[in-house]
Amino acid sequence: MVATVLGVVAAADRLRIDRRQPLMAESPTQVTSLPNGLRVVTEAMPEARSVTLGVWVGVGARDESAELHGASHFLEHLLFKGTPRRSARELAQAVDAVGGEMNAFTAKEHTAYYARLPADQLSFGLSLLGDVITDPRLDPSDVDAERQVILEELLLSEDEPEERVEVLCHEALFPDHPLGREVLGSHDSISGLRRDDIDQFFRRWYSPADLVLAAAGDLEHDAVVDAAATWFPDGPAGSRPERHAVDRAPTHLAVLTRPTEQAHLALGWRAVAADHPDRYALTVLNHVFGGGMSSRLFQEIRERRGLAYSVGSYAARYSDAGCLVAYAGTAPARLPEVRALMDAEVERLATDGITAHELEVATGYITGSLQLSLEDSASRMVRLGSDILQHDRVIPLAEHLDAVRSVTLDDVARMAATVFGGTEAIAAVGPVRDDAFA
């Protein structure tokens, strides 16, 4: 038993030393911009048995007018309803027939459509995505049917207090701004959207200049470029959306009183944007605050006091803004204690920063998880697409790792003082009232 323990300790020591080097060799990435403005980015993984293809559209919920609120997500649903060449059933059967997966998601600043397939199905996958992205049917009957699906999705979201409190927190952080809106849309906006509205939205934004084709796996870059040139022919390049900065201070309080079993609390603060030099310091701060099992919020509120099952924090970064949000769900009677504990940790971080040991743990976690997240073709495709949209380049893994390891205690202290020194937005859902936060 002693020998086993010593062996584990020795192995841990070796890992502690070795973590300064990447756990995997980084595959070369290649980027080609076609004459029509489409950007094609690939990463070859000869050892992989799969390929993952994604078309990233640089438009999302923040790029919608109030009248078109939810159009990006609505369109995401409709593109899988078929094309003149394939019905919705035929699309699904074609992917199932090769053991693949096809799906999509909508975010604040982009929409992504992807397919993960066996490596020998690369050409098929490119033809499938190209067909869906460039020539959707957008049949009026499909619009009406999918409208009901999205309205049901909204009702489901309304029934999830964890989701409602997050939406309320974003609305409070970015009042009267698209960044604060629910990505799904609202009941009124979805009910009011018509087929022609969605078609115009598609024709305006789904143009080559606002698209990125990302692919990772056992592939050849030139083959992907040739297929892209076939499916995205020369034509109007289109333009990227103009985005307007947030011009209002956060709202302090947003409470939704409901007869739920738990009280759900979210605290939010404005933070740095996606390209800000301090974004890595924010990542470290978030991990120490509530981003992992060793974090202060998790250890104090859940492990030490047993006041919550779900508690933590996350950082979100956009092209010109960002936020840090902490969440906890607890028994209504315990809400004041939980809120006081969260505020106490905020005060300590803003005043004293973090410890050297916390910095070491956070740095090790972030660099390790960065490397482990790139073990398959799907995760690498996501990295490629999001990097090109956010940064106009693929940031090498080594650059990420060096940047995280370069974060100092002073960097985190400055970030904590800046973020937590701003206006705090408080959101709550459950059997609580506004005066509970006086």
Protein backbone atom coordinates (compact mmCIF):
# COMPACT_ATOMS: atom_id res chain seq x y z
CA MET A 1 0.00 0.00 0.00
CA VAL A 2 2.82 2.40 0.90
CA ALA A 3 4.62 1.62 -2.34
CA THR A 4 1.42 2.30 -4.29
CA VAL A 5 0.90 5.65 -2.60
CA LEU A 6 4.52 6.64 -3.21
CA GLY A 7 4.13 5.64 -6.83
CA VAL A 8 1.05 7.83 -7.21
CA VAL A 9 2.85 10.76 -5.59
CA ALA A 10 5.86 10.29 -7.86
CA ALA A 11 3.60 10.17 -10.91
CA ALA A 12 1.84 13.34 -9.75
CA ASP A 13 5.21 15.05 -9.35
CA ARG A 14 6.17 14.07 -12.88
CA LEU A 15 2.88 15.40 -14.21
CA ARG A 16 3.43 18.63 -12.30
CA ILE A 17 6.73 19.06 -14.10
CA ASP A 18 5.53 17.89 -17.50
CA ARG A 19 2.46 20.12 -17.61
CA ARG A 20 4.67 22.99 -18.73
CA GLN A 21 4.79 21.28 -22.12
CA PRO A 22 1.80 20.57 -24.39
CA LEU A 23 0.35 17.11 -23.87
CA MET A 24 -0.07 16.66 -27.60
CA ALA A 25 1.67 17.81 -30.73
CA GLU A 26 -0.21 20.69 -32.31
CA SER A 27 -1.30 19.96 -35.88
CA PRO A 28 -0.68 22.68 -38.45
CA THR A 29 -3.67 24.75 -39.44
CA GLN A 30 -4.24 26.27 -42.86
CA VAL A 31 -6.44 29.19 -43.82
CA THR A 32 -7.54 30.17 -47.32
CA SER A 33 -9.74 33.13 -48.23
CA LEU A 34 -11.72 32.57 -51.41
CA PRO A 35 -12.30 35.45 -53.87
CA ASN A 36 -15.91 35.70 -52.70
CA GLY A 37 -14.83 36.36 -49.10
CA LEU A 38 -15.45 32.90 -47.64
CA ARG A 39 -12.73 31.84 -45.21
CA VAL A 40 -11.76 28.15 -45.12
CA VAL A 41 -9.74 26.90 -42.15
CA THR A 42 -8.62 23.32 -41.56
CA GLU A 43 -6.53 21.27 -39.18
CA ALA A 44 -5.26 17.91 -40.40
CA MET A 45 -5.38 15.04 -37.90
CA PRO A 46 -4.04 12.03 -39.84
CA GLU A 47 -4.48 9.80 -36.79
CA ALA A 48 -8.21 10.54 -36.57
CA ARG A 49 -10.95 8.34 -37.96
CA SER A 50 -13.43 11.18 -38.18
CA VAL A 51 -13.86 14.60 -39.72
CA THR A 52 -15.93 17.38 -38.26
CA LEU A 53 -17.12 20.13 -40.57
CA GLY A 54 -18.70 23.36 -39.46
CA VAL A 55 -20.09 26.42 -41.18
CA TRP A 56 -19.89 29.39 -38.82
CA VAL A 57 -22.07 32.38 -39.58
CA GLY A 58 -20.91 35.63 -37.99
CA VAL A 59 -24.39 36.73 -37.01
CA GLY A 60 -26.36 35.94 -33.89
CA ALA A 61 -28.93 37.21 -31.46
CA ARG A 62 -27.22 40.57 -30.89
CA ASP A 63 -27.49 41.38 -34.61
CA GLU A 64 -31.28 41.26 -34.70
CA SER A 65 -33.65 44.19 -34.52
CA ALA A 66 -36.39 44.09 -31.90
CA GLU A 67 -38.85 43.02 -34.59
CA LEU A 68 -36.57 40.17 -35.69
CA HIS A 69 -35.71 38.99 -32.18
CA GLY A 70 -35.08 35.25 -32.43
CA ALA A 71 -34.58 35.18 -36.21
CA SER A 72 -31.09 33.63 -36.00
CA HIS A 73 -32.35 30.75 -33.88
CA PHE A 74 -35.50 30.37 -36.00
CA LEU A 75 -33.34 30.13 -39.11
CA GLU A 76 -31.10 27.56 -37.42
CA HIS A 77 -34.17 25.33 -37.05
CA LEU A 78 -35.38 25.90 -40.59
CA LEU A 79 -32.15 25.08 -42.39
CA PHE A 80 -32.55 21.44 -41.40
CA LYS A 81 -36.09 21.30 -42.79
CA GLY A 82 -34.84 20.51 -46.24
CA THR A 83 -33.55 21.86 -49.55
CA PRO A 84 -34.79 21.49 -53.13
CA ARG A 85 -32.50 18.42 -53.36
CA ARG A 86 -33.25 16.74 -50.02
CA SER A 87 -36.23 16.69 -47.68
CA ALA A 88 -35.76 16.95 -43.92
CA ARG A 89 -36.22 13.18 -43.63
CA GLU A 90 -33.69 12.53 -46.40
CA LEU A 91 -31.15 14.79 -44.68
CA ALA A 92 -31.56 12.89 -41.42
CA GLN A 93 -31.45 9.50 -43.11
CA ALA A 94 -28.34 10.39 -45.11
CA VAL A 95 -26.44 11.30 -41.94
CA ASP A 96 -27.74 8.27 -40.02
CA ALA A 97 -26.74 5.98 -42.88
CA VAL A 98 -23.05 6.72 -42.30
CA GLY A 99 -23.24 6.81 -38.50
CA GLY A 100 -22.75 10.57 -38.40
CA GLU A 101 -24.17 13.48 -36.49
CA MET A 102 -25.50 16.81 -37.76
CA ASN A 103 -26.64 19.67 -35.57
CA ALA A 104 -26.43 23.43 -34.98
CA PHE A 105 -26.46 26.06 -32.27
CA THR A 106 -27.13 29.78 -31.99
CA ALA A 107 -25.22 32.20 -29.75
CA LYS A 108 -25.14 35.94 -29.15
CA GLU A 109 -22.70 36.67 -31.99
CA HIS A 110 -22.70 33.63 -34.25
CA THR A 111 -24.64 30.62 -35.50
CA ALA A 112 -22.89 27.34 -36.29
CA TYR A 113 -23.94 24.30 -38.32
CA TYR A 114 -21.82 21.18 -38.11
CA ALA A 115 -21.53 17.55 -39.14
CA ARG A 116 -19.30 14.88 -37.60
CA LEU A 117 -18.71 11.92 -39.90
CA PRO A 118 -16.32 9.06 -40.62
CA ALA A 119 -13.24 10.42 -42.38
CA ASP A 120 -14.10 8.75 -45.70
CA GLN A 121 -17.36 10.73 -45.81
CA LEU A 122 -15.67 14.13 -46.11
CA SER A 123 -17.00 14.92 -49.58
CA PHE A 124 -20.49 13.82 -48.61
CA GLY A 125 -20.42 16.01 -45.51
CA LEU A 126 -19.27 19.06 -47.43
CA SER A 127 -22.00 18.59 -50.01
CA LEU A 128 -24.59 18.20 -47.28
CA LEU A 129 -23.60 21.33 -45.36
CA GLY A 130 -23.14 23.30 -48.56
CA ASP A 131 -26.63 22.37 -49.70
CA VAL A 132 -28.20 23.29 -46.34
CA ILE A 133 -26.38 26.62 -45.97
CA THR A 134 -26.71 27.91 -49.52
CA ASP A 135 -30.11 26.67 -50.65
CA PRO A 136 -32.60 26.06 -47.83
CA ARG A 137 -36.17 25.49 -48.87
CA LEU A 138 -37.78 27.78 -46.25
CA ASP A 139 -41.22 26.44 -47.06
CA PRO A 140 -44.07 28.43 -45.43
CA SER A 141 -45.55 25.25 -43.96
CA ASP A 142 -42.19 24.44 -42.36
CA VAL A 143 -42.03 27.96 -40.92
CA ASP A 144 -45.41 27.56 -39.26
CA ALA A 145 -44.58 24.08 -37.94
CA GLU A 146 -41.20 25.14 -36.57
CA ARG A 147 -42.70 28.24 -35.03
CA GLN A 148 -44.72 25.95 -32.75
CA VAL A 149 -41.59 23.96 -31.90
CA ILE A 150 -39.74 27.14 -30.88
CA LEU A 151 -42.69 28.38 -28.85
CA GLU A 152 -42.61 25.06 -27.00
CA GLU A 153 -38.87 25.51 -26.52
CA LEU A 154 -39.54 28.94 -25.01
CA LEU A 155 -42.13 27.46 -22.66
CA LEU A 156 -39.62 24.82 -21.59
CA SER A 157 -37.06 27.55 -20.92
CA GLU A 158 -39.64 29.48 -18.88
CA ASP A 159 -40.14 26.37 -16.74
CA GLU A 160 -36.42 26.13 -15.94
CA PRO A 161 -35.63 28.65 -13.19
CA GLU A 162 -31.87 28.14 -13.66
CA GLU A 163 -32.24 29.37 -17.24
CA ARG A 164 -34.66 32.17 -16.34
CA VAL A 165 -32.34 33.65 -13.73
CA GLU A 166 -29.46 33.66 -16.22
CA VAL A 167 -31.60 35.46 -18.81
CA LEU A 168 -32.70 37.99 -16.18
CA CYS A 169 -29.09 38.58 -15.17
CA HIS A 170 -28.03 39.27 -18.78
CA GLU A 171 -30.99 41.60 -19.25
CA ALA A 172 -29.88 43.49 -16.16
CA LEU A 173 -26.23 43.57 -17.23
CA PHE A 174 -27.01 44.83 -20.75
CA PRO A 175 -30.34 46.69 -20.45
CA ASP A 176 -32.14 47.59 -23.69
CA HIS A 177 -29.30 46.06 -25.71
CA PRO A 178 -29.35 42.92 -27.89
CA LEU A 179 -26.63 41.30 -25.76
CA GLY A 180 -29.15 41.16 -22.95
CA ARG A 181 -31.86 39.37 -24.94
CA GLU A 182 -32.83 35.73 -24.81
CA VAL A 183 -31.30 33.99 -27.85
CA LEU A 184 -34.51 32.03 -28.50
CA GLY A 185 -36.56 35.19 -28.99
CA SER A 186 -39.77 36.01 -27.17
CA HIS A 187 -43.30 34.67 -27.52
CA ASP A 188 -44.40 37.87 -29.29
CA SER A 189 -41.43 38.11 -31.64
CA ILE A 190 -41.54 34.45 -32.69
CA SER A 191 -45.29 34.62 -33.19
CA GLY A 192 -44.85 37.69 -35.39
CA LEU A 193 -42.01 36.46 -37.61
CA ARG A 194 -43.10 35.53 -41.12
CA ARG A 195 -41.48 33.49 -43.84
CA ASP A 196 -40.44 36.58 -45.83
CA ASP A 197 -38.85 38.16 -42.74
CA ILE A 198 -36.71 35.08 -42.19
CA ASP A 199 -35.85 34.78 -45.88
CA GLN A 200 -34.67 38.40 -45.98
CA PHE A 201 -32.59 37.82 -42.85
CA PHE A 202 -31.02 34.77 -44.50
CA ARG A 203 -30.25 36.56 -47.76
CA ARG A 204 -28.73 39.53 -45.96
CA TRP A 205 -26.39 37.68 -43.61
CA TYR A 206 -25.72 34.21 -44.99
CA SER A 207 -23.26 35.54 -47.53
CA PRO A 208 -19.64 34.43 -48.08
CA ALA A 209 -18.07 37.42 -46.31
CA ASP A 210 -19.78 36.43 -43.08
CA LEU A 211 -19.13 32.68 -43.31
CA VAL A 212 -16.27 30.50 -42.08
CA LEU A 213 -15.94 26.88 -43.16
CA ALA A 214 -13.95 25.04 -40.49
CA ALA A 215 -12.87 21.41 -40.72
CA ALA A 216 -10.71 19.12 -38.60
CA GLY A 217 -9.83 15.46 -38.90
CA ASP A 218 -8.27 13.16 -41.47
CA LEU A 219 -8.45 15.55 -44.42
CA GLU A 220 -6.51 17.51 -47.02
CA HIS A 221 -6.86 21.27 -46.97
CA ASP A 222 -6.97 21.64 -50.77
CA ALA A 223 -9.84 19.17 -51.04
CA VAL A 224 -11.87 21.21 -48.56
CA VAL A 225 -11.07 24.44 -50.42
CA ASP A 226 -12.09 22.92 -53.76
CA ALA A 227 -15.40 21.73 -52.31
CA ALA A 228 -16.02 25.12 -50.74
CA ALA A 229 -15.48 26.81 -54.10
CA THR A 230 -18.11 24.47 -55.58
CA TRP A 231 -20.74 24.97 -52.90
CA PHE A 232 -20.11 28.66 -52.27
CA PRO A 233 -19.65 30.09 -55.78
CA ASP A 234 -18.59 33.61 -56.64
CA GLY A 235 -21.28 36.21 -56.17
CA PRO A 236 -22.11 39.08 -53.87
CA ALA A 237 -19.77 38.81 -50.89
CA GLY A 238 -22.17 40.61 -48.57
CA SER A 239 -21.06 42.41 -45.43
CA ARG A 240 -20.56 41.74 -41.75
CA PRO A 241 -22.97 43.19 -39.19
CA GLU A 242 -22.26 46.54 -37.60
CA ARG A 243 -22.45 46.26 -33.84
CA HIS A 244 -23.25 49.00 -31.37
CA ALA A 245 -21.63 49.18 -27.97
CA VAL A 246 -23.60 48.97 -24.76
CA ASP A 247 -24.43 52.54 -23.72
CA ARG A 248 -26.38 52.03 -20.49
CA ALA A 249 -25.22 51.09 -17.01
CA PRO A 250 -26.40 47.76 -15.61
CA THR A 251 -29.73 47.54 -13.83
CA HIS A 252 -29.17 46.70 -10.18
CA LEU A 253 -32.03 44.28 -9.54
CA ALA A 254 -34.30 41.91 -11.49
CA VAL A 255 -36.60 39.60 -9.53
CA LEU A 256 -39.15 37.10 -10.84
CA THR A 257 -41.37 35.82 -8.02
CA ARG A 258 -42.44 32.21 -8.55
CA PRO A 259 -43.60 29.34 -6.29
CA THR A 260 -40.51 27.20 -6.92
CA GLU A 261 -38.95 24.84 -4.39
CA GLN A 262 -35.60 26.64 -4.59
CA ALA A 263 -34.56 30.26 -4.81
CA HIS A 264 -32.21 30.87 -7.73
CA LEU A 265 -29.71 33.71 -7.48
CA ALA A 266 -27.37 35.16 -10.10
CA LEU A 267 -24.91 37.99 -9.53
CA GLY A 268 -23.31 39.61 -12.57
CA TRP A 269 -20.67 42.19 -13.41
CA ARG A 270 -19.43 43.67 -16.68
CA ALA A 271 -16.02 42.35 -17.73
CA VAL A 272 -13.57 42.45 -20.65
CA ALA A 273 -14.13 41.66 -24.33
CA ALA A 274 -12.83 38.72 -26.35
CA ASP A 275 -9.63 40.43 -27.52
CA HIS A 276 -8.79 42.31 -24.31
CA PRO A 277 -5.23 41.72 -23.02
CA ASP A 278 -6.63 40.90 -19.55
CA ARG A 279 -8.94 38.13 -20.76
CA TYR A 280 -6.60 35.45 -19.42
CA ALA A 281 -6.51 37.14 -16.02
CA LEU A 282 -10.32 37.08 -16.09
CA THR A 283 -10.24 33.33 -16.82
CA VAL A 284 -8.00 32.76 -13.82
CA LEU A 285 -10.17 34.98 -11.62
CA ASN A 286 -13.29 33.09 -12.67
CA HIS A 287 -11.74 29.72 -11.86
CA VAL A 288 -10.73 30.83 -8.38
CA PHE A 289 -14.09 32.52 -7.77
CA GLY A 290 -16.50 29.80 -8.86
CA GLY A 291 -15.27 28.09 -12.01
CA GLY A 292 -14.20 24.74 -10.60
CA MET A 293 -14.57 22.28 -7.75
CA SER A 294 -11.65 23.88 -5.92
CA SER A 295 -13.16 27.37 -6.28
CA ARG A 296 -14.05 29.56 -3.32
CA LEU A 297 -17.79 29.52 -3.96
CA PHE A 298 -17.97 25.75 -4.42
CA GLN A 299 -15.84 24.96 -1.40
CA GLU A 300 -17.47 27.47 0.96
CA ILE A 301 -21.14 27.24 -0.05
CA ARG A 302 -21.48 23.60 -1.08
CA GLU A 303 -18.64 21.61 0.46
CA ARG A 304 -18.19 23.39 3.81
CA ARG A 305 -21.74 24.56 4.57
CA GLY A 306 -23.95 22.36 2.37
CA LEU A 307 -26.15 25.29 1.38
CA ALA A 308 -26.46 24.49 -2.35
CA TYR A 309 -26.17 21.63 -4.77
CA SER A 310 -25.44 23.85 -7.77
CA VAL A 311 -23.12 26.83 -7.31
CA GLY A 312 -20.43 28.34 -9.51
CA SER A 313 -19.48 31.07 -11.95
CA TYR A 314 -18.57 31.63 -15.59
CA ALA A 315 -17.11 34.36 -17.78
CA ALA A 316 -18.59 35.29 -21.18
CA ARG A 317 -16.71 37.40 -23.72
CA TYR A 318 -18.10 39.12 -26.80
CA SER A 319 -16.52 41.27 -29.50
CA ASP A 320 -16.85 44.48 -27.50
CA ALA A 321 -18.11 43.47 -24.05
CA GLY A 322 -18.04 40.71 -21.49
CA CYS A 323 -19.40 39.62 -18.14
CA LEU A 324 -18.72 37.48 -15.10
CA VAL A 325 -21.75 35.73 -13.60
CA ALA A 326 -22.07 33.73 -10.36
CA TYR A 327 -25.03 31.43 -9.68
CA ALA A 328 -26.45 29.47 -6.77
CA GLY A 329 -29.68 27.60 -6.16
CA THR A 330 -30.71 27.13 -2.52
CA ALA A 331 -33.65 26.78 -0.16
CA PRO A 332 -35.52 30.11 0.06
CA ALA A 333 -34.80 30.43 3.79
CA ARG A 334 -31.08 30.11 3.11
CA LEU A 335 -30.94 32.71 0.35
CA PRO A 336 -29.78 35.59 2.60
CA GLU A 337 -26.91 33.48 3.95
CA VAL A 338 -25.85 32.33 0.47
CA ARG A 339 -26.00 35.86 -0.89
CA ALA A 340 -23.92 37.12 2.08
CA LEU A 341 -21.29 34.43 1.48
CA MET A 342 -21.08 35.29 -2.23
CA ASP A 343 -20.73 38.99 -1.43
CA ALA A 344 -18.02 38.22 1.12
CA GLU A 345 -15.96 36.32 -1.45
CA VAL A 346 -16.42 39.18 -3.91
CA GLU A 347 -15.18 41.65 -1.32
CA ARG A 348 -12.15 39.53 -0.45
CA LEU A 349 -11.20 39.08 -4.08
CA ALA A 350 -11.64 42.78 -4.87
CA THR A 351 -9.56 43.79 -1.84
CA ASP A 352 -6.89 41.09 -1.57
CA GLY A 353 -6.83 39.28 -4.91
CA ILE A 354 -5.92 35.58 -4.88
CA THR A 355 -3.14 33.56 -3.30
CA ALA A 356 -0.06 32.15 -5.01
CA HIS A 357 -1.40 28.62 -4.46
CA GLU A 358 -4.75 29.52 -6.04
CA LEU A 359 -2.92 30.97 -9.02
CA GLU A 360 -0.94 27.76 -9.44
CA VAL A 361 -4.03 25.55 -9.22
CA ALA A 362 -6.03 27.75 -11.61
CA THR A 363 -3.19 27.95 -14.12
CA GLY A 364 -2.72 24.20 -14.03
CA TYR A 365 -6.42 23.57 -14.49
CA ILE A 366 -6.85 26.01 -17.37
CA THR A 367 -3.79 24.88 -19.31
CA GLY A 368 -4.59 21.22 -18.74
CA SER A 369 -8.23 21.55 -19.74
CA LEU A 370 -7.25 23.54 -22.84
CA GLN A 371 -5.12 20.65 -24.02
CA LEU A 372 -7.58 17.92 -23.08
CA SER A 373 -10.38 19.77 -24.88
CA LEU A 374 -8.61 19.29 -28.21
CA GLU A 375 -8.49 15.51 -28.27
CA ASP A 376 -11.09 14.98 -31.02
CA SER A 377 -11.98 16.47 -34.37
CA ALA A 378 -15.17 18.13 -33.09
CA SER A 379 -13.47 20.18 -30.40
CA ARG A 380 -10.72 21.24 -32.79
CA MET A 381 -13.26 22.34 -35.38
CA VAL A 382 -14.97 24.51 -32.75
CA ARG A 383 -11.64 26.10 -31.90
CA LEU A 384 -10.92 26.85 -35.57
CA GLY A 385 -14.29 28.38 -36.33
CA SER A 386 -14.60 30.48 -33.19
CA ASP A 387 -11.01 31.74 -33.45
CA ILE A 388 -11.43 32.94 -37.03
CA LEU A 389 -14.72 34.68 -36.22
CA GLN A 390 -13.48 36.30 -33.01
CA HIS A 391 -9.82 36.98 -33.79
CA ASP A 392 -9.44 36.65 -37.59
CA ARG A 393 -6.75 34.03 -36.98
CA VAL A 394 -6.25 30.69 -35.30
CA ILE A 395 -4.44 31.33 -32.03
CA PRO A 396 -1.80 28.61 -31.55
CA LEU A 397 -2.26 26.41 -28.50
CA ALA A 398 1.24 27.32 -27.30
CA GLU A 399 0.28 31.01 -27.37
CA HIS A 400 -2.79 30.31 -25.21
CA LEU A 401 -0.75 28.26 -22.75
CA ASP A 402 2.00 30.88 -22.50
CA ALA A 403 -0.56 33.63 -21.96
CA VAL A 404 -2.25 31.72 -19.13
CA ARG A 405 1.08 30.91 -17.48
CA SER A 406 2.11 34.55 -17.74
CA VAL A 407 -0.82 35.76 -15.60
CA THR A 408 0.47 37.20 -12.33
CA LEU A 409 -1.08 37.81 -8.94
CA ASP A 410 -1.10 41.53 -9.75
CA ASP A 411 -2.95 40.86 -13.02
CA VAL A 412 -5.70 38.97 -11.22
CA ALA A 413 -5.89 41.55 -8.43
CA ARG A 414 -6.30 44.32 -10.99
CA MET A 415 -8.98 42.34 -12.80
CA ALA A 416 -10.85 41.58 -9.57
CA ALA A 417 -10.77 45.22 -8.48
CA THR A 418 -11.98 46.35 -11.91
CA VAL A 419 -14.77 43.80 -12.37
CA PHE A 420 -16.09 43.69 -8.81
CA GLY A 421 -15.69 47.44 -8.48
CA GLY A 422 -18.35 47.90 -11.16
CA THR A 423 -22.11 47.84 -10.76
CA GLU A 424 -23.41 44.49 -9.54
CA ALA A 425 -26.52 43.15 -11.27
CA ILE A 426 -28.65 40.92 -9.07
CA ALA A 427 -31.20 38.50 -10.54
CA ALA A 428 -33.42 36.10 -8.62
CA VAL A 429 -36.18 33.63 -9.46
CA GLY A 430 -38.32 31.87 -6.89
CA PRO A 431 -40.40 32.60 -3.80
CA VAL A 432 -38.57 35.87 -3.18
CA ARG A 433 -39.46 39.56 -3.42
CA ASP A 434 -37.56 42.69 -4.33
CA ASP A 435 -37.33 43.81 -0.73
CA ALA A 436 -35.29 40.69 0.10
CA PHE A 437 -32.35 42.46 -1.53
CA ALA A 438 -32.70 45.83 0.20
